[in-house]
Protein backbone atom coordinates (compact mmCIF):
# COMPACT_ATOMS: atom_id res chain seq x y z
CA UNK A 1 -58.03 66.13 157.91
CA UNK A 2 -61.25 65.64 156.03
CA UNK A 3 -60.77 64.14 152.57
CA UNK A 4 -62.26 66.49 149.96
CA UNK A 5 -60.54 65.13 146.89
CA UNK A 6 -62.21 61.75 146.60
CA UNK A 7 -59.06 59.68 147.24
CA UNK A 8 -57.10 59.21 150.39
CA UNK A 9 -53.56 60.50 150.59
CA UNK A 10 -52.29 56.98 151.30
CA UNK A 11 -54.01 55.61 148.21
CA UNK A 12 -52.48 58.31 146.01
CA UNK A 13 -49.00 57.62 147.39
CA UNK A 14 -49.21 53.90 146.66
CA UNK A 15 -50.90 54.32 143.27
CA UNK A 16 -48.21 56.79 142.15
CA UNK A 17 -45.48 54.43 143.36
CA UNK A 18 -44.13 56.85 145.94
CA UNK A 19 -44.23 54.33 148.83
CA UNK A 20 -44.79 50.67 149.40
CA UNK A 21 -47.41 49.25 151.73
CA UNK A 22 -44.69 48.42 154.25
CA UNK A 23 -43.14 51.91 154.05
CA UNK A 24 -46.54 53.50 154.46
CA UNK A 25 -47.26 51.48 157.60
CA UNK A 26 -43.90 52.50 159.10
CA UNK A 27 -44.48 56.18 158.25
CA UNK A 28 -48.00 56.04 159.66
CA UNK A 29 -46.68 54.67 162.96
CA UNK A 30 -44.03 57.39 163.04
CA UNK A 31 -46.59 60.12 162.36
CA UNK A 32 -48.82 58.85 165.17
CA UNK A 33 -45.90 58.60 167.58
CA UNK A 34 -44.69 62.17 167.07
CA UNK A 35 -48.16 63.67 166.59
CA UNK A 36 -47.90 65.04 163.05
CA UNK A 37 -49.95 64.66 159.87
CA UNK A 38 -49.09 61.81 157.52
CA UNK A 39 -47.98 64.13 154.72
CA UNK A 40 -45.54 65.81 157.14
CA UNK A 41 -44.09 62.43 158.10
CA UNK A 42 -43.65 61.54 154.42
CA UNK A 43 -41.84 64.84 153.86
CA UNK A 44 -39.58 64.25 156.85
CA UNK A 45 -38.68 60.76 155.67
CA UNK A 46 -37.71 62.23 152.26
CA UNK A 47 -38.99 59.25 150.31
CA UNK A 48 -40.05 61.54 147.43
CA UNK A 49 -39.45 65.13 146.29
CA UNK A 50 -41.39 67.67 148.39
CA UNK A 51 -43.39 69.03 145.46
CA UNK A 52 -44.45 65.49 144.48
CA UNK A 53 -45.61 64.76 148.02
CA UNK A 54 -47.47 68.09 148.24
CA UNK A 55 -49.18 67.49 144.87
CA UNK A 56 -50.46 64.15 146.17
CA UNK A 57 -51.60 65.79 149.40
CA UNK A 58 -53.34 68.61 147.52
CA UNK A 59 -55.10 66.05 145.30
CA UNK A 60 -56.39 64.23 148.38
CA UNK A 61 -57.88 67.49 149.65
CA UNK A 62 -59.23 68.61 146.30
CA UNK A 63 -57.08 71.77 146.42
CA UNK A 64 -54.68 73.28 143.89
CA UNK A 65 -50.90 72.99 144.30
CA UNK A 66 -48.51 75.64 143.00
CA UNK A 67 -44.90 76.60 143.44
CA UNK A 68 -44.86 79.87 145.31
CA UNK A 69 -42.87 81.58 142.58
CA UNK A 70 -45.81 80.94 140.24
CA UNK A 71 -48.35 82.53 142.59
CA UNK A 72 -49.38 86.09 141.79
CA UNK A 73 -48.93 87.94 145.09
CA UNK A 74 -50.80 91.15 145.81
CA UNK A 75 -48.71 92.91 148.43
CA UNK A 76 -51.65 95.16 149.33
CA UNK A 77 -53.39 92.00 150.57
CA UNK A 78 -50.30 90.56 152.29
CA UNK A 79 -49.98 93.48 154.71
CA UNK A 80 -53.57 93.26 155.93
CA UNK A 81 -52.83 90.65 158.59
CA UNK A 82 -50.50 90.77 161.54
CA UNK A 83 -47.07 89.17 160.88
CA UNK A 84 -47.31 87.22 164.13
CA UNK A 85 -50.58 85.63 163.00
CA UNK A 86 -49.08 84.76 159.62
CA UNK A 87 -46.01 83.10 161.13
CA UNK A 88 -47.94 81.32 163.88
CA UNK A 89 -50.36 79.67 161.45
CA UNK A 90 -48.01 79.41 158.44
CA UNK A 91 -50.20 81.28 155.98
CA UNK A 92 -49.82 84.13 153.54
CA UNK A 93 -52.86 85.90 152.04
CA UNK A 94 -51.70 86.38 148.46
CA UNK A 95 -54.71 87.80 146.61
CA UNK A 96 -58.43 88.44 146.50
CA UNK A 97 -60.08 86.60 143.61
CA UNK A 98 -63.79 86.38 142.75
CA UNK A 99 -64.93 87.27 146.26
CA UNK A 100 -62.46 85.01 148.11
CA UNK A 101 -59.22 85.60 149.99
CA UNK A 102 -56.62 83.25 148.56
CA UNK A 103 -54.22 81.82 151.14
CA UNK A 104 -50.89 80.16 150.42
CA UNK A 105 -50.50 77.36 152.99
CA UNK A 106 -49.04 73.91 153.45
CA UNK A 107 -52.37 72.70 154.84
CA UNK A 108 -55.80 74.24 155.48
CA UNK A 109 -55.99 76.26 158.68
CA UNK A 110 -58.19 75.32 161.61
CA UNK A 111 -61.78 76.70 161.57
CA UNK A 112 -61.12 79.32 164.27
CA UNK A 113 -58.29 80.86 162.24
CA UNK A 114 -60.38 80.73 159.07
CA UNK A 115 -63.18 82.58 160.89
CA UNK A 116 -60.69 85.21 162.12
CA UNK A 117 -59.48 85.78 158.57
CA UNK A 118 -63.05 86.06 157.32
CA UNK A 119 -63.66 88.85 159.83
CA UNK A 120 -60.44 90.65 158.85
CA UNK A 121 -61.13 90.56 155.12
CA UNK A 122 -64.92 90.27 155.31
CA UNK A 123 -64.55 87.47 152.74
CA UNK A 124 -64.39 83.65 152.84
CA UNK A 125 -61.03 81.95 152.29
CA UNK A 126 -59.66 79.56 149.67
CA UNK A 127 -56.35 77.72 149.69
CA UNK A 128 -53.47 77.04 147.38
CA UNK A 129 -50.88 74.56 148.67
CA UNK A 130 -47.13 74.94 148.27
CA UNK A 131 -44.12 73.19 149.79
CA UNK A 132 -43.07 74.03 153.37
CA UNK A 133 -39.66 75.24 152.18
CA UNK A 134 -41.19 77.65 149.65
CA UNK A 135 -43.71 78.96 152.17
CA UNK A 136 -40.95 79.45 154.75
CA UNK A 137 -38.86 81.46 152.28
CA UNK A 138 -41.88 83.59 151.36
CA UNK A 139 -42.65 84.10 155.05
CA UNK A 140 -39.14 85.47 155.58
CA UNK A 141 -39.65 87.86 152.68
CA UNK A 142 -43.09 89.20 153.55
CA UNK A 143 -43.09 88.79 157.33
CA UNK A 144 -39.51 89.12 158.60
CA UNK A 145 -38.85 88.81 162.29
CA UNK A 146 -39.65 92.03 164.09
CA UNK A 147 -42.08 93.16 161.39
CA UNK A 148 -45.34 94.73 162.55
CA UNK A 149 -48.57 95.38 160.73
CA UNK A 150 -48.80 98.91 159.31
CA UNK A 151 -52.18 100.58 159.24
CA UNK A 152 -51.89 102.53 155.99
CA UNK A 153 -54.82 104.80 156.77
CA UNK A 154 -53.16 105.82 160.02
CA UNK A 155 -49.74 106.06 158.38
CA UNK A 156 -50.99 108.41 155.66
CA UNK A 157 -52.85 110.68 158.03
CA UNK A 158 -51.11 113.64 159.62
CA UNK A 159 -50.77 113.00 163.32
CA UNK A 160 -52.21 115.74 165.42
CA UNK A 161 -49.98 117.43 167.92
CA UNK A 162 -50.53 116.22 171.46
CA UNK A 163 -52.48 118.57 173.64
CA UNK A 164 -50.25 119.74 176.44
CA UNK A 165 -52.08 121.10 179.42
CA UNK A 166 -50.33 124.11 180.84
CA UNK A 167 -49.93 124.05 184.53
CA UNK A 168 -51.54 127.06 186.10
CA UNK A 169 -49.15 128.50 188.61
CA UNK A 170 -50.47 130.53 191.52
CA UNK A 171 -49.93 134.22 191.22
CA UNK A 172 -47.03 135.43 193.22
CA UNK A 173 -48.02 137.76 195.97
CA UNK A 174 -46.19 141.00 195.95
CA UNK A 175 -44.33 141.60 199.16
CA UNK A 176 -46.01 144.15 201.41
CA UNK A 177 -43.83 147.17 201.75
CA UNK A 178 -43.82 148.91 205.13
CA UNK A 179 -45.83 152.14 205.24
CA UNK A 180 -44.21 155.45 205.69
CA UNK A 181 -45.23 157.77 208.51
CA UNK A 182 -47.21 159.97 206.13
CA UNK A 183 -49.11 156.95 204.73
CA UNK A 184 -49.89 155.72 208.25
CA UNK A 185 -51.24 159.13 209.28
CA UNK A 186 -53.34 159.38 206.14
CA UNK A 187 -54.86 155.93 206.68
CA UNK A 188 -55.63 156.65 210.35
CA UNK A 189 -57.31 159.94 209.45
CA UNK A 190 -59.47 158.26 206.82
CA UNK A 191 -60.41 155.48 209.22
CA UNK A 192 -61.37 157.78 212.11
CA UNK A 193 -63.20 160.14 209.77
CA UNK A 194 -65.21 157.24 208.38
CA UNK A 195 -66.01 155.98 211.88
CA UNK A 196 -67.14 159.38 213.17
CA UNK A 197 -69.16 160.18 210.07
CA UNK A 198 -70.89 156.79 210.11
CA UNK A 199 -71.76 157.03 213.83
CA UNK A 200 -73.18 160.53 213.39
CA UNK A 201 -75.09 159.60 210.26
CA UNK A 202 -76.67 156.57 211.86
CA UNK A 203 -77.49 158.46 215.09
CA UNK A 204 -79.22 161.39 213.41
CA UNK A 205 -80.96 159.12 210.92
CA UNK A 206 -82.43 157.07 213.74
CA UNK A 207 -83.22 160.09 215.82
CA UNK A 208 -85.22 161.98 213.20
CA UNK A 209 -86.80 159.15 211.28
CA UNK A 210 -90.47 158.69 212.07
CA UNK A 211 -89.91 154.97 212.35
CA UNK A 212 -87.42 155.48 215.17
CA UNK A 213 -89.86 157.65 217.08
CA UNK A 214 -92.54 155.02 216.67
CA UNK A 215 -90.25 152.37 218.04
CA UNK A 216 -89.39 154.62 220.96
CA UNK A 217 -85.75 153.70 221.33
CA UNK A 218 -83.39 155.94 223.35
CA UNK A 219 -80.44 158.03 222.10
CA UNK A 220 -78.05 155.55 223.70
CA UNK A 221 -79.38 152.78 221.53
CA UNK A 222 -78.94 154.90 218.40
CA UNK A 223 -75.32 155.67 219.37
CA UNK A 224 -74.61 151.99 219.97
CA UNK A 225 -76.04 151.07 216.57
CA UNK A 226 -74.01 153.85 214.96
CA UNK A 227 -70.87 152.61 216.73
CA UNK A 228 -71.33 149.09 215.40
CA UNK A 229 -71.92 150.25 211.84
CA UNK A 230 -69.11 152.79 212.16
CA UNK A 231 -66.61 150.13 213.22
CA UNK A 232 -67.53 148.02 210.21
CA UNK A 233 -67.16 150.99 207.87
CA UNK A 234 -63.85 152.02 209.44
CA UNK A 235 -62.48 148.48 209.10
CA UNK A 236 -63.50 148.39 205.45
CA UNK A 237 -61.68 151.67 204.80
CA UNK A 238 -58.57 150.44 206.65
CA UNK A 239 -58.43 147.20 204.67
CA UNK A 240 -59.11 148.96 201.38
CA UNK A 241 -56.31 151.43 201.94
CA UNK A 242 -53.85 148.59 202.58
CA UNK A 243 -54.36 147.01 199.12
């Protein structure tokens, strides 16, 4: 961790009489062996009260130290990050002051997390240190297990009803009822009448039209043409009567 306070953490511990040179060397070896920061090793060894250790650590970083109960927490700010992110990185955004997001932490977060918070709040971050026990208790209060982030804008809006597409069912075909004898006779009469009328109409139209005489076709041809058109007309009448 970069020293921002002007004095090293080890120097502050010795100067304040919290550890001896020999104790510090032992703690430093322990911290290196288990892969933790020196201040964490000092806390684990319990050679001094946690708040005293954290005040020395905060001084070495040039950051303020406060007991969490003395921090003014804005719960509107707390809920703006995901609980999983807060627990994973041991941080609680407690307020927005003078254009900064104020984070309660036990140590400054890594740059990637700081950048993520800057994007969430659109503001740079500042830190206030507190003891791990106090931060853990506050984490349980503000981010209990199973808690999820609530988007207030979405929560306050009235959800629209889901659009349910109605399934278009095919129209049921009415069963075809059998025709009576009278209906059958009537349909046959209409069909034959249409056929005969169409054949005659086509024949006489072709026979007396000047165009037909110019072409010079025979009567047989006119009858054949009338028969073809008559069959089509008769079929149309038969099908129409069946609907």
